[in-house]
Amino acid sequence: MITTLNERMRGLASLFWREVAKFGAVGGVAFVIDNGLTYYLMHGPMTDSEAKARFVGASVATVFSWIANRFWTFRRRRQDNVVREFLMFILINGIGIGISTGFTALAKYSFGITDKNMLFLAGVVGILVATVMRFFAYRFLVFNKELDEEPEFSHDHEIIERHPHAAPGVRVPEEQVKDPELPGPHS
């Protein structure tokens, strides 16, 4: 039982790190989209509106990020209700955009920073803070299909809870049901 539990824990850790790696790849491309567009806008059409430029860059990157995360990073966790999933994604990203835009606005209006490169850097710091929040929010609120629905992790409850009355809907192997050491009725 301990060996099986260790294997499951390693499997869960491996799955988690694969998701982190995919999330990081998508985030890296979104980071380039966000910052490339923001930098262009700050030094061009929106030269006096740095916080608005950050908002536009982040919004375009958000649409890319939803598509890439939905169809690649969390493809096995997509919700059946696409509209709800998209609205949750937009809500989470709205909070993230608020964080990155807030860092830029805070630097400009509270600290009086006027150098565009420093304002740009403040937004990048905001993106890093928002990214940590986004990963966990995406994983647990947006793309939240349970691990039990994945075939390789479908029996985790059986390993941890050895009695047949552990939880509704949990399949318990026949040898455990007849085990006289387990509590509950026996055949």
C-alpha atoms as a PDB file:
ATOM      1  CA  MET A   1       0.000   0.000   0.000  1.00  0.00           C
ATOM      2  CA  ILE A   2       2.828   2.446   0.838  1.00  0.00           C
ATOM      3  CA  THR A   3       4.519   1.771  -2.520  1.00  0.00           C
ATOM      4  CA  THR A   4       1.267   2.400  -4.384  1.00  0.00           C
ATOM      5  CA  LEU A   5       0.672   5.600  -2.409  1.00  0.00           C
ATOM      6  CA  ASN A   6       4.210   6.778  -3.207  1.00  0.00           C
ATOM      7  CA  GLU A   7       3.652   6.021  -6.897  1.00  0.00           C
ATOM      8  CA  ARG A   8       0.399   8.004  -6.866  1.00  0.00           C
ATOM      9  CA  MET A   9       2.033  10.935  -5.093  1.00  0.00           C
ATOM     10  CA  ARG A  10       4.863  10.938  -7.653  1.00  0.00           C
ATOM     11  CA  GLY A  11       2.263  10.768 -10.437  1.00  0.00           C
ATOM     12  CA  LEU A  12       0.368  13.726  -8.993  1.00  0.00           C
ATOM     13  CA  ALA A  13       3.610  15.713  -8.642  1.00  0.00           C
ATOM     14  CA  SER A  14       4.576  14.830 -12.210  1.00  0.00           C
ATOM     15  CA  LEU A  15       1.165  15.915 -13.490  1.00  0.00           C
ATOM     16  CA  PHE A  16       1.423  19.155 -11.520  1.00  0.00           C
ATOM     17  CA  TRP A  17       4.872  19.968 -12.925  1.00  0.00           C
ATOM     18  CA  ARG A  18       3.769  19.151 -16.489  1.00  0.00           C
ATOM     19  CA  GLU A  19       0.896  21.582 -16.050  1.00  0.00           C
ATOM     20  CA  VAL A  20       3.268  24.185 -14.609  1.00  0.00           C
ATOM     21  CA  ALA A  21       5.609  23.725 -17.603  1.00  0.00           C
ATOM     22  CA  LYS A  22       2.777  24.082 -20.127  1.00  0.00           C
ATOM     23  CA  PHE A  23       1.328  27.011 -18.201  1.00  0.00           C
ATOM     24  CA  GLY A  24       4.802  28.587 -18.233  1.00  0.00           C
ATOM     25  CA  ALA A  25       5.147  28.133 -22.007  1.00  0.00           C
ATOM     26  CA  VAL A  26       1.736  29.684 -22.649  1.00  0.00           C
ATOM     27  CA  GLY A  27       2.532  32.393 -20.140  1.00  0.00           C
ATOM     28  CA  GLY A  28       5.853  33.099 -21.846  1.00  0.00           C
ATOM     29  CA  VAL A  29       4.159  33.695 -25.193  1.00  0.00           C
ATOM     30  CA  ALA A  30       1.415  35.751 -23.517  1.00  0.00           C
ATOM     31  CA  PHE A  31       4.137  37.718 -21.713  1.00  0.00           C
ATOM     32  CA  VAL A  32       5.753  38.576 -25.068  1.00  0.00           C
ATOM     33  CA  ILE A  33       2.384  39.548 -26.565  1.00  0.00           C
ATOM     34  CA  ASP A  34       1.458  41.631 -23.515  1.00  0.00           C
ATOM     35  CA  ASN A  35       4.784  43.410 -23.142  1.00  0.00           C
ATOM     36  CA  GLY A  36       5.495  43.785 -26.861  1.00  0.00           C
ATOM     37  CA  LEU A  37       2.137  45.406 -27.476  1.00  0.00           C
ATOM     38  CA  THR A  38       2.344  47.490 -24.301  1.00  0.00           C
ATOM     39  CA  TYR A  39       5.846  48.722 -25.151  1.00  0.00           C
ATOM     40  CA  TYR A  40       4.733  49.628 -28.677  1.00  0.00           C
ATOM     41  CA  LEU A  41       1.659  51.478 -27.389  1.00  0.00           C
ATOM     42  CA  MET A  42       3.592  53.294 -24.630  1.00  0.00           C
ATOM     43  CA  HIS A  43       6.127  54.571 -27.135  1.00  0.00           C
ATOM     44  CA  GLY A  44       3.630  55.216 -29.927  1.00  0.00           C
ATOM     45  CA  PRO A  45      -0.130  55.695 -30.067  1.00  0.00           C
ATOM     46  CA  MET A  46      -0.694  55.802 -26.271  1.00  0.00           C
ATOM     47  CA  THR A  47       2.403  57.720 -25.270  1.00  0.00           C
ATOM     48  CA  ASP A  48       0.721  59.564 -22.400  1.00  0.00           C
ATOM     49  CA  SER A  49      -1.474  56.677 -21.230  1.00  0.00           C
ATOM     50  CA  GLU A  50       0.873  54.044 -19.841  1.00  0.00           C
ATOM     51  CA  ALA A  51      -1.701  52.324 -17.646  1.00  0.00           C
ATOM     52  CA  LYS A  52      -4.173  52.142 -20.563  1.00  0.00           C
ATOM     53  CA  ALA A  53      -1.424  50.729 -22.799  1.00  0.00           C
ATOM     54  CA  ARG A  54      -0.768  48.031 -20.177  1.00  0.00           C
ATOM     55  CA  PHE A  55      -4.504  47.265 -20.054  1.00  0.00           C
ATOM     56  CA  VAL A  56      -4.739  46.844 -23.852  1.00  0.00           C
ATOM     57  CA  GLY A  57      -1.619  44.648 -24.028  1.00  0.00           C
ATOM     58  CA  ALA A  58      -2.854  42.476 -21.178  1.00  0.00           C
ATOM     59  CA  SER A  59      -6.320  42.141 -22.725  1.00  0.00           C
ATOM     60  CA  VAL A  60      -4.944  40.859 -26.042  1.00  0.00           C
ATOM     61  CA  ALA A  61      -2.629  38.462 -24.197  1.00  0.00           C
ATOM     62  CA  THR A  62      -5.612  37.234 -22.137  1.00  0.00           C
ATOM     63  CA  VAL A  63      -7.538  36.104 -25.210  1.00  0.00           C
ATOM     64  CA  PHE A  64      -4.470  34.236 -26.486  1.00  0.00           C
ATOM     65  CA  SER A  65      -3.915  32.719 -23.042  1.00  0.00           C
ATOM     66  CA  TRP A  66      -7.487  31.405 -22.728  1.00  0.00           C
ATOM     67  CA  ILE A  67      -7.307  29.676 -26.095  1.00  0.00           C
ATOM     68  CA  ALA A  68      -3.865  28.147 -25.430  1.00  0.00           C
ATOM     69  CA  ASN A  69      -4.663  27.059 -21.868  1.00  0.00           C
ATOM     70  CA  ARG A  70      -8.039  25.634 -22.854  1.00  0.00           C
ATOM     71  CA  PHE A  71      -6.741  23.577 -25.757  1.00  0.00           C
ATOM     72  CA  TRP A  72      -3.285  22.646 -24.452  1.00  0.00           C
ATOM     73  CA  THR A  73      -2.340  23.243 -20.801  1.00  0.00           C
ATOM     74  CA  PHE A  74      -5.620  22.201 -19.172  1.00  0.00           C
ATOM     75  CA  ARG A  75      -7.223  20.367 -22.120  1.00  0.00           C
ATOM     76  CA  ARG A  76      -8.281  17.454 -19.890  1.00  0.00           C
ATOM     77  CA  ARG A  77      -9.837  19.780 -17.353  1.00  0.00           C
ATOM     78  CA  ARG A  78     -11.982  21.882 -19.661  1.00  0.00           C
ATOM     79  CA  GLN A  79     -15.456  22.509 -18.380  1.00  0.00           C
ATOM     80  CA  ASP A  80     -18.425  21.366 -20.413  1.00  0.00           C
ATOM     81  CA  ASN A  81     -19.919  24.834 -20.028  1.00  0.00           C
ATOM     82  CA  VAL A  82     -17.594  26.903 -22.257  1.00  0.00           C
ATOM     83  CA  VAL A  83     -19.372  30.180 -21.479  1.00  0.00           C
ATOM     84  CA  ARG A  84     -18.960  29.705 -17.716  1.00  0.00           C
ATOM     85  CA  GLU A  85     -15.322  28.701 -18.203  1.00  0.00           C
ATOM     86  CA  PHE A  86     -14.627  31.763 -20.371  1.00  0.00           C
ATOM     87  CA  LEU A  87     -16.374  34.103 -17.929  1.00  0.00           C
ATOM     88  CA  MET A  88     -14.381  32.662 -15.004  1.00  0.00           C
ATOM     89  CA  PHE A  89     -11.201  33.010 -17.064  1.00  0.00           C
ATOM     90  CA  ILE A  90     -12.044  36.643 -17.860  1.00  0.00           C
ATOM     91  CA  LEU A  91     -12.800  37.314 -14.179  1.00  0.00           C
ATOM     92  CA  ILE A  92      -9.489  35.804 -13.051  1.00  0.00           C
ATOM     93  CA  ASN A  93      -7.615  37.670 -15.772  1.00  0.00           C
ATOM     94  CA  GLY A  94      -9.457  40.865 -14.906  1.00  0.00           C
ATOM     95  CA  ILE A  95      -7.982  40.547 -11.437  1.00  0.00           C
ATOM     96  CA  GLY A  96      -4.553  39.803 -12.970  1.00  0.00           C
ATOM     97  CA  ILE A  97      -4.839  42.765 -15.346  1.00  0.00           C
ATOM     98  CA  GLY A  98      -5.845  44.909 -12.371  1.00  0.00           C
ATOM     99  CA  ILE A  99      -2.699  43.810 -10.557  1.00  0.00           C
ATOM    100  CA  SER A 100      -0.329  44.532 -13.476  1.00  0.00           C
ATOM    101  CA  THR A 101      -2.073  47.783 -14.425  1.00  0.00           C
ATOM    102  CA  GLY A 102      -2.215  48.721 -10.742  1.00  0.00           C
ATOM    103  CA  PHE A 103       1.555  48.322 -10.399  1.00  0.00           C
ATOM    104  CA  THR A 104       2.039  50.685 -13.380  1.00  0.00           C
ATOM    105  CA  ALA A 105      -0.497  53.202 -12.064  1.00  0.00           C
ATOM    106  CA  LEU A 106       0.950  52.994  -8.548  1.00  0.00           C
ATOM    107  CA  ALA A 107       4.445  53.700  -9.846  1.00  0.00           C
ATOM    108  CA  LYS A 108       3.241  56.651 -11.934  1.00  0.00           C
ATOM    109  CA  TYR A 109       0.684  58.301  -9.679  1.00  0.00           C
ATOM    110  CA  SER A 110       1.794  57.380  -6.171  1.00  0.00           C
ATOM    111  CA  PHE A 111       5.560  57.376  -6.610  1.00  0.00           C
ATOM    112  CA  GLY A 112       5.701  60.031  -9.329  1.00  0.00           C
ATOM    113  CA  ILE A 113       7.787  57.908 -11.710  1.00  0.00           C
ATOM    114  CA  THR A 114       7.714  59.347 -15.219  1.00  0.00           C
ATOM    115  CA  ASP A 115      10.384  57.290 -16.979  1.00  0.00           C
ATOM    116  CA  LYS A 116       8.564  55.005 -19.428  1.00  0.00           C
ATOM    117  CA  ASN A 117      11.046  52.172 -18.950  1.00  0.00           C
ATOM    118  CA  MET A 118      10.551  52.225 -15.168  1.00  0.00           C
ATOM    119  CA  LEU A 119       6.767  52.292 -15.632  1.00  0.00           C
ATOM    120  CA  PHE A 120       7.089  49.383 -18.042  1.00  0.00           C
ATOM    121  CA  LEU A 121       9.176  47.504 -15.474  1.00  0.00           C
ATOM    122  CA  ALA A 122       6.564  48.166 -12.768  1.00  0.00           C
ATOM    123  CA  GLY A 123       3.984  46.498 -15.015  1.00  0.00           C
ATOM    124  CA  VAL A 124       6.287  43.514 -15.548  1.00  0.00           C
ATOM    125  CA  VAL A 125       6.613  43.093 -11.768  1.00  0.00           C
ATOM    126  CA  GLY A 126       2.808  43.240 -11.584  1.00  0.00           C
ATOM    127  CA  ILE A 127       2.578  40.524 -14.227  1.00  0.00           C
ATOM    128  CA  LEU A 128       4.871  38.260 -12.205  1.00  0.00           C
ATOM    129  CA  VAL A 129       2.736  38.720  -9.081  1.00  0.00           C
ATOM    130  CA  ALA A 130      -0.468  38.152 -11.066  1.00  0.00           C
ATOM    131  CA  THR A 131       0.946  35.018 -12.742  1.00  0.00           C
ATOM    132  CA  VAL A 132       1.200  33.101  -9.481  1.00  0.00           C
ATOM    133  CA  MET A 133      -2.395  34.006  -8.646  1.00  0.00           C
ATOM    134  CA  ARG A 134      -3.546  33.070 -12.163  1.00  0.00           C
ATOM    135  CA  PHE A 135      -2.023  29.584 -12.156  1.00  0.00           C
ATOM    136  CA  PHE A 136      -3.820  28.497  -9.006  1.00  0.00           C
ATOM    137  CA  ALA A 137      -7.034  30.236  -9.996  1.00  0.00           C
ATOM    138  CA  TYR A 138      -7.011  28.609 -13.451  1.00  0.00           C
ATOM    139  CA  ARG A 139      -6.231  25.201 -12.002  1.00  0.00           C
ATOM    140  CA  PHE A 140      -8.811  25.229  -9.231  1.00  0.00           C
ATOM    141  CA  LEU A 141     -11.527  27.616 -10.460  1.00  0.00           C
ATOM    142  CA  VAL A 142     -11.502  27.740 -14.264  1.00  0.00           C
ATOM    143  CA  PHE A 143     -10.167  24.426 -15.585  1.00  0.00           C
ATOM    144  CA  ASN A 144     -11.305  22.379 -12.627  1.00  0.00           C
ATOM    145  CA  LYS A 145     -12.249  18.893 -13.739  1.00  0.00           C
ATOM    146  CA  GLU A 146     -11.384  16.614 -10.861  1.00  0.00           C
ATOM    147  CA  LEU A 147      -8.381  14.306 -10.899  1.00  0.00           C
ATOM    148  CA  ASP A 148     -10.752  11.378 -10.360  1.00  0.00           C
ATOM    149  CA  GLU A 149     -11.903  11.769 -13.953  1.00  0.00           C
ATOM    150  CA  GLU A 150      -8.390  11.082 -15.261  1.00  0.00           C
ATOM    151  CA  PRO A 151      -7.816   7.340 -15.777  1.00  0.00           C
ATOM    152  CA  GLU A 152      -4.348   7.274 -14.242  1.00  0.00           C
ATOM    153  CA  PHE A 153      -5.646   8.789 -10.990  1.00  0.00           C
ATOM    154  CA  SER A 154      -9.116   7.244 -10.827  1.00  0.00           C
ATOM    155  CA  HIS A 155      -8.428   5.055  -7.762  1.00  0.00           C
ATOM    156  CA  ASP A 156      -6.679   7.498  -5.428  1.00  0.00           C
ATOM    157  CA  HIS A 157      -9.468   7.377  -2.833  1.00  0.00           C
ATOM    158  CA  GLU A 158      -9.099   3.617  -2.578  1.00  0.00           C
ATOM    159  CA  ILE A 159      -5.444   3.931  -1.634  1.00  0.00           C
ATOM    160  CA  ILE A 160      -6.018   6.484   1.086  1.00  0.00           C
ATOM    161  CA  GLU A 161      -9.394   5.310   2.433  1.00  0.00           C
ATOM    162  CA  ARG A 162      -9.408   1.509   2.639  1.00  0.00           C
ATOM    163  CA  HIS A 163     -12.976   0.873   3.712  1.00  0.00           C
ATOM    164  CA  PRO A 164     -15.869   0.352   1.292  1.00  0.00           C
ATOM    165  CA  HIS A 165     -17.932   3.214   2.694  1.00  0.00           C
ATOM    166  CA  ALA A 166     -15.280   5.877   2.061  1.00  0.00           C
ATOM    167  CA  ALA A 167     -17.302   8.061  -0.273  1.00  0.00           C
ATOM    168  CA  PRO A 168     -20.259   7.712  -2.601  1.00  0.00           C
ATOM    169  CA  GLY A 169     -19.316   6.632  -6.101  1.00  0.00           C
ATOM    170  CA  VAL A 170     -15.863   5.307  -5.190  1.00  0.00           C
ATOM    171  CA  ARG A 171     -15.163   1.885  -6.659  1.00  0.00           C
ATOM    172  CA  VAL A 172     -13.639  -0.392  -4.046  1.00  0.00           C
ATOM    173  CA  PRO A 173     -11.815  -3.562  -5.170  1.00  0.00           C
ATOM    174  CA  GLU A 174     -13.617  -6.788  -4.260  1.00  0.00           C
ATOM    175  CA  GLU A 175     -10.769  -8.042  -2.051  1.00  0.00           C
ATOM    176  CA  GLN A 176     -11.131  -4.967   0.175  1.00  0.00           C
ATOM    177  CA  VAL A 177     -14.876  -5.399   0.579  1.00  0.00           C
ATOM    178  CA  LYS A 178     -14.415  -8.915   1.981  1.00  0.00           C
ATOM    179  CA  ASP A 179     -11.438  -8.043   4.200  1.00  0.00           C
ATOM    180  CA  PRO A 180     -12.504  -8.938   7.793  1.00  0.00           C
ATOM    181  CA  GLU A 181     -10.156  -6.292   9.232  1.00  0.00           C
ATOM    182  CA  LEU A 182     -12.121  -3.507   7.594  1.00  0.00           C
ATOM    183  CA  PRO A 183     -15.067  -1.937   9.376  1.00  0.00           C
ATOM    184  CA  GLY A 184     -18.542  -2.368   7.939  1.00  0.00           C
ATOM    185  CA  PRO A 185     -20.740  -5.302   6.888  1.00  0.00           C
ATOM    186  CA  HIS A 186     -19.136  -8.347   5.298  1.00  0.00           C
ATOM    187  CA  SER A 187     -20.602 -11.076   3.089  1.00  0.00           C
END
